[in-house]
C-alpha cells in the first residue's frame, strides 16, 4: 500500500458538496457534504436529472447545468432544491478530465450566521461607478449654462410660460444631484472611524426619518444592551442607517399593518480580509433592519447593491450602492435576504468592534 487514502475517504472528508453528473445529465454520485446541503440522502438524489435537483435564481446558471462542454464559476449565488431555498454558495462546474461528457459540480455554502467576506478588489460595480470622476466636469459645465439661460428667460416670460423654464431648472438640478451622488460613490477617501455606540446612531436615524416624513415611525426594536462600541465613521453610518430605514418605511407605507423591526446582536459568524492587513477582521456586531413589505424581486436579489438597480419606479438605483460602499469603507459589509420563518425582508449590517483602550 502507498498510504494514499481511498477515493471514498477523500470525498467523505471534503467540507463542500460535490455532485458528479453523467452524459445524460443524471446525478450519479453525491458526497456526504452534498447530502447535508440538500437535506436528503444520496439514494434520493442519485438517478435524478441535475435540473430537477438543483436550481438557481439566475436562469443562465440553470442552463449551464446541461451544457456538457462548459466550465463555469460563480460566487455567492442562491440555490434551491425541491422547491425550497438551500442558501448562498460558491458554484463551480467543469468536465471531468477522464471523460469530458461527465461533469463535476462543486457547491461551497456560505455560513448562515454571517458569511466569510473577503476584500473584493475586482468588483465590476466598483469599476462602473468611477465614470463620474471622468465625466462630471464635462457634464456639469453645460448644465450650469442651461440653468443660467433658463433663469434669464424666466425673467422675460409671462406667468403662463414660466412653468416651462421652471421645469428646465428643476430637471437640471435633479441631474446635478444625481451626478453628486455618483461622485460620492466613486470617491476613495478613507473613513474616519472611531468607537461609537450603535444604539445612539439608530435612535438618531429613527428621529431623522420621522422629521423627513412628518409622522411617527412605528418600529419594534430588540437591542442587545451589552453590545460593545463599533469601530465606524459615525457620519457614514448615520447615512447607511437612514437609507436602510427609509427603504423599510417606504416599502410598508401602503400596508394595513406595517411592521418594521430593528435587531442588534453580537455574533461570531462573519469576518473579512481587509486590504493591507494580514489578519482577518472580525465583524461580530450585527444590525438587522426587517420589514413586512413586498421585498426585492427574486431576479434582482443578486444585483440590489449594484448602481442603477432599483425596485422603485422613480428610484435612481444609487441608494443601496452608496450604502455598500460606505460599509466597505468602514471595513463592514451588508447582506439582504428574506427570513424563512417570518418571511420579512431583512438587511443585515456587519460591523467590527472598536478596540479597548
Protein backbone atom coordinates (compact mmCIF):
# COMPACT_ATOMS: atom_id res chain seq x y z
CA UNK A 1 0.00 0.00 0.00
CA UNK A 2 1.25 3.50 -0.87
CA UNK A 3 -0.54 5.23 2.02
CA UNK A 4 -2.89 7.21 -0.25
CA UNK A 5 -6.45 7.42 1.18
CA UNK A 6 -9.15 5.73 -0.91
CA UNK A 7 -11.34 7.99 -3.05
CA UNK A 8 -14.31 7.33 -0.74
CA UNK A 9 -12.39 8.72 2.24
CA UNK A 10 -11.31 11.79 0.27
CA UNK A 11 -14.90 12.53 -0.84
CA UNK A 12 -16.23 11.98 2.68
CA UNK A 13 -13.66 14.35 4.14
CA UNK A 14 -14.48 17.31 1.87
CA UNK A 15 -16.37 20.19 3.50
CA UNK A 16 -18.05 21.33 0.28
CA UNK A 17 -20.71 19.47 -1.68
CA UNK A 18 -19.73 17.51 -4.81
CA UNK A 19 -22.06 16.06 -7.42
CA UNK A 20 -20.99 14.01 -10.44
CA UNK A 21 -23.28 14.25 -13.49
CA UNK A 22 -23.14 11.84 -16.44
CA UNK A 23 -23.61 12.49 -20.17
CA UNK A 24 -27.39 12.25 -19.81
CA UNK A 25 -27.37 14.98 -17.11
CA UNK A 26 -28.17 12.42 -14.40
CA UNK A 27 -26.66 12.65 -10.91
CA UNK A 28 -24.52 9.55 -10.37
CA UNK A 29 -22.54 10.49 -7.25
CA UNK A 30 -23.02 12.73 -4.20
CA UNK A 31 -20.62 13.09 -1.29
CA UNK A 32 -21.75 13.37 2.38
CA UNK A 33 -21.42 17.17 2.34
CA UNK A 34 -23.81 17.17 -0.62
CA UNK A 35 -26.31 15.10 1.33
CA UNK A 36 -26.09 17.60 4.20
CA UNK A 37 -26.57 20.59 1.87
CA UNK A 38 -29.63 19.14 0.13
CA UNK A 39 -31.01 17.71 3.37
CA UNK A 40 -31.54 14.25 1.94
CA UNK A 41 -29.66 11.03 1.25
CA UNK A 42 -27.59 10.22 -1.82
CA UNK A 43 -30.14 7.47 -2.58
CA UNK A 44 -32.79 10.17 -3.11
CA UNK A 45 -30.51 12.30 -5.33
CA UNK A 46 -28.72 9.73 -7.49
CA UNK A 47 -30.61 8.83 -10.67
CA UNK A 48 -32.38 12.18 -10.95
CA UNK A 49 -31.68 14.79 -13.62
CA UNK A 50 -29.50 17.60 -12.29
CA UNK A 51 -32.11 20.15 -13.42
CA UNK A 52 -34.59 18.53 -11.03
CA UNK A 53 -32.19 18.50 -8.10
CA UNK A 54 -30.57 21.93 -8.34
CA UNK A 55 -31.96 25.36 -9.32
CA UNK A 56 -30.51 28.87 -9.44
CA UNK A 57 -32.23 32.25 -9.30
CA UNK A 58 -30.25 33.13 -12.45
CA UNK A 59 -31.55 31.16 -15.49
CA UNK A 60 -28.13 31.38 -17.13
CA UNK A 61 -26.70 29.19 -14.39
CA UNK A 62 -29.57 26.74 -14.78
CA UNK A 63 -28.64 26.47 -18.45
CA UNK A 64 -25.02 25.72 -17.58
CA UNK A 65 -26.11 22.53 -15.80
CA UNK A 66 -26.93 20.87 -19.11
CA UNK A 67 -24.04 22.24 -21.21
CA UNK A 68 -21.53 19.38 -21.49
CA UNK A 69 -18.50 21.42 -22.55
CA UNK A 70 -18.92 24.44 -20.29
CA UNK A 71 -16.65 25.33 -17.37
CA UNK A 72 -18.14 27.98 -15.11
CA UNK A 73 -17.52 29.50 -11.70
CA UNK A 74 -19.96 31.80 -9.88
CA UNK A 75 -19.61 33.27 -6.41
CA UNK A 76 -22.34 33.98 -3.87
CA UNK A 77 -25.35 32.60 -5.77
CA UNK A 78 -28.65 31.48 -4.28
CA UNK A 79 -29.57 27.84 -4.91
CA UNK A 80 -32.80 25.90 -4.42
CA UNK A 81 -33.76 22.25 -4.39
CA UNK A 82 -37.17 20.58 -4.31
CA UNK A 83 -38.95 23.98 -4.14
CA UNK A 84 -37.03 25.31 -1.13
CA UNK A 85 -34.08 27.63 -0.78
CA UNK A 86 -30.86 25.93 0.26
CA UNK A 87 -28.74 29.03 0.78
CA UNK A 88 -25.95 31.01 -0.86
CA UNK A 89 -22.99 29.12 -2.29
CA UNK A 90 -19.90 29.46 -4.44
CA UNK A 91 -20.60 27.33 -7.54
CA UNK A 92 -18.21 25.58 -9.93
CA UNK A 93 -18.93 23.17 -12.80
CA UNK A 94 -16.42 21.64 -15.21
CA UNK A 95 -15.99 18.47 -17.31
CA UNK A 96 -14.00 15.60 -15.82
CA UNK A 97 -10.55 15.17 -17.32
CA UNK A 98 -11.09 11.41 -17.73
CA UNK A 99 -14.40 11.82 -19.60
CA UNK A 100 -15.38 15.22 -20.99
CA UNK A 101 -19.07 14.26 -21.15
CA UNK A 102 -19.19 13.81 -17.39
CA UNK A 103 -19.14 16.90 -15.17
CA UNK A 104 -18.20 17.70 -11.60
CA UNK A 105 -20.30 20.25 -9.69
CA UNK A 106 -18.91 21.85 -6.55
CA UNK A 107 -21.09 23.85 -4.11
CA UNK A 108 -19.40 25.65 -1.20
CA UNK A 109 -22.04 27.06 1.22
CA UNK A 110 -21.53 30.42 2.87
CA UNK A 111 -22.15 30.44 6.65
CA UNK A 112 -25.77 31.28 7.50
CA UNK A 113 -24.90 33.27 10.63
CA UNK A 114 -22.80 35.65 8.59
CA UNK A 115 -20.71 35.00 5.51
CA UNK A 116 -16.94 34.98 5.36
CA UNK A 117 -16.46 38.22 3.46
CA UNK A 118 -13.25 38.91 1.63
CA UNK A 119 -11.96 42.08 0.05
CA UNK A 120 -13.35 42.09 -3.48
CA UNK A 121 -10.87 44.32 -5.32
CA UNK A 122 -12.16 43.40 -8.76
CA UNK A 123 -15.86 44.08 -8.21
CA UNK A 124 -17.22 45.24 -11.62
CA UNK A 125 -19.60 47.65 -9.92
CA UNK A 126 -16.62 49.40 -8.32
CA UNK A 127 -15.23 49.98 -11.79
CA UNK A 128 -18.54 51.16 -13.19
CA UNK A 129 -19.04 53.87 -10.60
CA UNK A 130 -15.73 55.58 -11.32
CA UNK A 131 -17.10 57.08 -14.55
CA UNK A 132 -18.47 60.25 -12.86
CA UNK A 133 -14.92 61.31 -11.92
CA UNK A 134 -14.13 61.49 -15.63
CA UNK A 135 -17.40 62.90 -16.95
CA UNK A 136 -18.53 65.20 -14.16
CA UNK A 137 -16.66 68.32 -15.30
CA UNK A 138 -17.78 67.93 -18.91
CA UNK A 139 -21.42 67.45 -17.90
CA UNK A 140 -21.77 69.98 -15.08
CA UNK A 141 -20.43 72.94 -17.04
CA UNK A 142 -23.06 72.80 -19.82
CA UNK A 143 -25.74 72.07 -17.21
CA UNK A 144 -24.80 75.24 -15.36
CA UNK A 145 -25.09 77.19 -18.63
CA UNK A 146 -28.51 75.69 -19.35
CA UNK A 147 -29.74 76.55 -15.86
CA UNK A 148 -28.44 80.11 -16.15
CA UNK A 149 -30.10 80.58 -19.53
CA UNK A 150 -33.41 79.22 -18.18
CA UNK A 151 -33.28 81.65 -15.25
CA UNK A 152 -32.65 84.58 -17.60
CA UNK A 153 -35.55 83.54 -19.80
CA UNK A 154 -37.78 83.18 -16.75
CA UNK A 155 -37.47 86.93 -16.06
CA UNK A 156 -38.74 87.79 -19.54
CA UNK A 157 -41.71 85.43 -19.74
CA UNK A 158 -45.27 85.94 -18.59
CA UNK A 159 -46.70 83.83 -15.79
CA UNK A 160 -48.30 81.28 -18.14
CA UNK A 161 -44.94 80.49 -19.77
CA UNK A 162 -42.78 80.36 -16.64
CA UNK A 163 -43.61 76.74 -15.75
CA UNK A 164 -41.53 75.66 -18.77
CA UNK A 165 -38.36 77.42 -17.60
CA UNK A 166 -39.00 76.28 -14.04
CA UNK A 167 -39.23 72.70 -15.29
CA UNK A 168 -35.87 73.10 -17.09
CA UNK A 169 -34.26 74.47 -13.92
CA UNK A 170 -35.69 71.68 -11.79
CA UNK A 171 -34.51 68.97 -14.19
CA UNK A 172 -31.02 70.46 -14.35
CA UNK A 173 -30.84 70.46 -10.56
CA UNK A 174 -32.03 66.86 -10.48
CA UNK A 175 -29.28 65.75 -12.87
CA UNK A 176 -26.63 67.68 -10.89
CA UNK A 177 -27.80 65.99 -7.67
CA UNK A 178 -27.58 62.64 -9.41
CA UNK A 179 -24.01 63.38 -10.53
CA UNK A 180 -23.08 64.43 -6.99
CA UNK A 181 -24.37 61.15 -5.60
CA UNK A 182 -22.47 59.21 -8.25
CA UNK A 183 -19.29 61.11 -7.40
CA UNK A 184 -19.74 60.13 -3.77
CA UNK A 185 -19.88 56.50 -4.92
CA UNK A 186 -16.61 56.82 -6.81
CA UNK A 187 -14.66 58.69 -4.13
CA UNK A 188 -11.82 56.88 -2.36
CA UNK A 189 -11.50 58.96 0.80
CA UNK A 190 -10.72 56.82 3.87
CA UNK A 191 -13.39 56.54 6.54
CA UNK A 192 -12.81 58.47 9.79
CA UNK A 193 -13.55 55.62 12.18
CA UNK A 194 -13.83 55.76 15.96
CA UNK A 195 -15.61 53.94 18.78
CA UNK A 196 -19.36 54.62 18.61
CA UNK A 197 -22.41 53.31 20.49
CA UNK A 198 -24.50 51.96 17.61
CA UNK A 199 -27.78 52.27 19.53
CA UNK A 200 -27.35 56.05 19.78
CA UNK A 201 -27.00 56.27 15.98
CA UNK A 202 -30.04 54.06 15.42
CA UNK A 203 -32.12 56.41 17.58
CA UNK A 204 -30.83 59.42 15.64
CA UNK A 205 -31.65 57.74 12.32
CA UNK A 206 -35.18 56.97 13.51
CA UNK A 207 -35.74 60.61 14.52
CA UNK A 208 -34.32 61.79 11.20
CA UNK A 209 -36.80 59.63 9.28
CA UNK A 210 -39.68 60.91 11.42
CA UNK A 211 -38.65 64.50 10.73
CA UNK A 212 -38.44 63.84 6.99
CA UNK A 213 -41.85 62.11 6.78
CA UNK A 214 -43.61 64.39 9.27
CA UNK A 215 -45.02 61.45 11.21
CA UNK A 216 -44.02 58.99 13.90
CA UNK A 217 -42.47 55.79 12.54
CA UNK A 218 -43.56 52.68 14.43
CA UNK A 219 -40.52 50.48 14.85
CA UNK A 220 -40.19 47.44 17.09
CA UNK A 221 -36.67 47.09 18.41
CA UNK A 222 -34.81 44.31 20.14
CA UNK A 223 -31.44 45.60 21.27
CA UNK A 224 -28.57 43.79 22.91
CA UNK A 225 -27.70 46.15 25.81
CA UNK A 226 -24.28 44.53 26.24
CA UNK A 227 -23.21 45.28 22.66
CA UNK A 228 -19.70 46.85 22.60
CA UNK A 229 -18.90 50.01 20.68
CA UNK A 230 -18.41 49.61 16.93
CA UNK A 231 -15.39 50.93 15.03
CA UNK A 232 -17.18 53.08 12.44
CA UNK A 233 -17.40 56.50 10.83
CA UNK A 234 -20.45 57.99 12.61
CA UNK A 235 -21.44 60.27 9.71
CA UNK A 236 -21.19 57.45 7.17
CA UNK A 237 -23.02 55.05 9.47
CA UNK A 238 -25.78 57.60 10.01
CA UNK A 239 -26.25 57.78 6.24
CA UNK A 240 -26.33 53.98 6.00
CA UNK A 241 -28.94 53.61 8.76
CA UNK A 242 -31.09 56.44 7.43
CA UNK A 243 -31.08 54.96 3.93
CA UNK A 244 -31.95 51.42 5.03
CA UNK A 245 -34.65 52.61 7.46
CA UNK A 246 -36.15 54.94 4.83
CA UNK A 247 -36.38 51.98 2.44
CA UNK A 248 -38.23 49.95 5.09
CA UNK A 249 -40.66 52.81 5.75
CA UNK A 250 -41.26 53.27 2.03
CA UNK A 251 -41.81 49.52 1.49
CA UNK A 252 -44.50 49.34 4.20
CA UNK A 253 -46.28 52.69 3.90
CA UNK A 254 -49.28 51.30 1.96
CA UNK A 255 -49.74 48.18 4.10
CA UNK A 256 -52.69 47.90 6.54
CA UNK A 257 -50.36 46.52 9.23
CA UNK A 258 -46.83 47.84 8.56
CA UNK A 259 -44.13 46.17 10.62
CA UNK A 260 -40.52 47.33 10.92
CA UNK A 261 -38.05 45.72 13.30
CA UNK A 262 -34.51 46.61 14.29
CA UNK A 263 -32.46 43.92 15.99
CA UNK A 264 -28.92 44.23 17.29
CA UNK A 265 -26.82 41.30 18.41
CA UNK A 266 -23.30 40.03 18.86
CA UNK A 267 -22.31 37.08 16.70
CA UNK A 268 -19.09 35.25 15.93
CA UNK A 269 -20.04 34.28 12.38
CA UNK A 270 -18.50 36.81 9.97
CA UNK A 271 -15.03 38.07 9.10
CA UNK A 272 -13.22 39.59 6.14
CA UNK A 273 -9.70 40.04 4.87
CA UNK A 274 -9.21 43.77 4.77
CA UNK A 275 -6.85 45.33 2.27
CA UNK A 276 -3.37 45.88 3.67
CA UNK A 277 -3.93 43.57 6.64
CA UNK A 278 -2.76 40.01 7.05
CA UNK A 279 -5.24 39.01 9.77
CA UNK A 280 -8.95 38.77 9.08
CA UNK A 281 -11.15 41.50 10.56
CA UNK A 282 -14.00 40.02 12.59
CA UNK A 283 -17.47 41.52 12.15
CA UNK A 284 -19.40 40.38 15.23
CA UNK A 285 -21.72 43.39 15.59
CA UNK A 286 -24.89 42.85 13.60
CA UNK A 287 -27.78 45.24 12.95
CA UNK A 288 -30.85 43.76 11.25
CA UNK A 289 -33.50 46.01 9.73
CA UNK A 290 -36.57 43.93 8.86
CA UNK A 291 -39.92 44.84 7.30
CA UNK A 292 -43.00 43.04 6.01
CA UNK A 293 -43.05 44.85 2.68
CA UNK A 294 -43.04 43.09 -0.71
CA UNK A 295 -39.26 42.67 -0.65
CA UNK A 296 -36.84 42.58 -3.54
CA UNK A 297 -37.94 40.62 -6.64
CA UNK A 298 -36.03 37.36 -6.97
CA UNK A 299 -34.49 38.42 -10.27
CA UNK A 300 -32.94 41.50 -8.63
CA UNK A 301 -31.72 39.99 -5.36
CA UNK A 302 -28.15 39.42 -6.55
CA UNK A 303 -27.89 42.90 -8.09
CA UNK A 304 -29.66 45.02 -5.47
CA UNK A 305 -26.40 46.68 -4.34
CA UNK A 306 -25.27 47.49 -7.90
CA UNK A 307 -25.57 51.04 -9.26
CA UNK A 308 -28.78 51.87 -11.19
CA UNK A 309 -30.67 48.81 -9.90
CA UNK A 310 -33.88 49.83 -8.13
CA UNK A 311 -37.23 48.31 -7.16
CA UNK A 312 -38.89 51.75 -7.17
CA UNK A 313 -40.49 53.26 -10.27
CA UNK A 314 -38.89 56.64 -9.57
CA UNK A 315 -35.73 55.25 -7.99
CA UNK A 316 -32.28 56.05 -9.34
CA UNK A 317 -30.71 52.86 -8.01
CA UNK A 318 -27.88 54.61 -6.16
CA UNK A 319 -29.00 54.46 -2.52
CA UNK A 320 -28.01 50.87 -1.75
CA UNK A 321 -24.92 51.10 -3.96
CA UNK A 322 -23.80 54.01 -1.78
CA UNK A 323 -24.66 52.06 1.38
CA UNK A 324 -22.50 49.16 0.15
CA UNK A 325 -19.57 51.50 -0.50
CA UNK A 326 -19.85 53.27 2.86
CA UNK A 327 -19.97 49.92 4.67
CA UNK A 328 -16.86 48.70 2.86
CA UNK A 329 -15.02 51.94 3.61
CA UNK A 330 -15.58 51.16 7.31
CA UNK A 331 -14.47 47.51 6.87
CA UNK A 332 -18.10 46.43 7.25
CA UNK A 333 -20.48 44.53 5.00
CA UNK A 334 -24.21 44.43 4.24
CA UNK A 335 -26.39 41.49 3.18
CA UNK A 336 -30.01 41.20 2.02
CA UNK A 337 -32.19 38.15 2.45
CA UNK A 338 -35.73 37.14 3.25
CA UNK A 339 -36.26 35.27 6.52
CA UNK A 340 -37.57 31.72 6.27
CA UNK A 341 -39.75 31.91 9.39
CA UNK A 342 -41.36 35.34 9.41
CA UNK A 343 -40.96 35.99 5.65
CA UNK A 344 -39.79 39.54 6.37
CA UNK A 345 -37.26 41.28 4.18
CA UNK A 346 -34.01 41.75 6.09
CA UNK A 347 -30.93 43.89 5.61
CA UNK A 348 -28.10 42.81 7.93
CA UNK A 349 -25.17 45.13 8.65
CA UNK A 350 -21.90 43.51 9.82
CA UNK A 351 -19.54 45.80 11.75
CA UNK A 352 -16.17 45.50 13.52
CA UNK A 353 -15.70 46.05 17.27
CA UNK A 354 -13.75 49.09 18.47
CA UNK A 355 -10.53 48.12 20.25
CA UNK A 356 -10.46 48.64 24.01
CA UNK A 357 -8.24 51.42 25.29
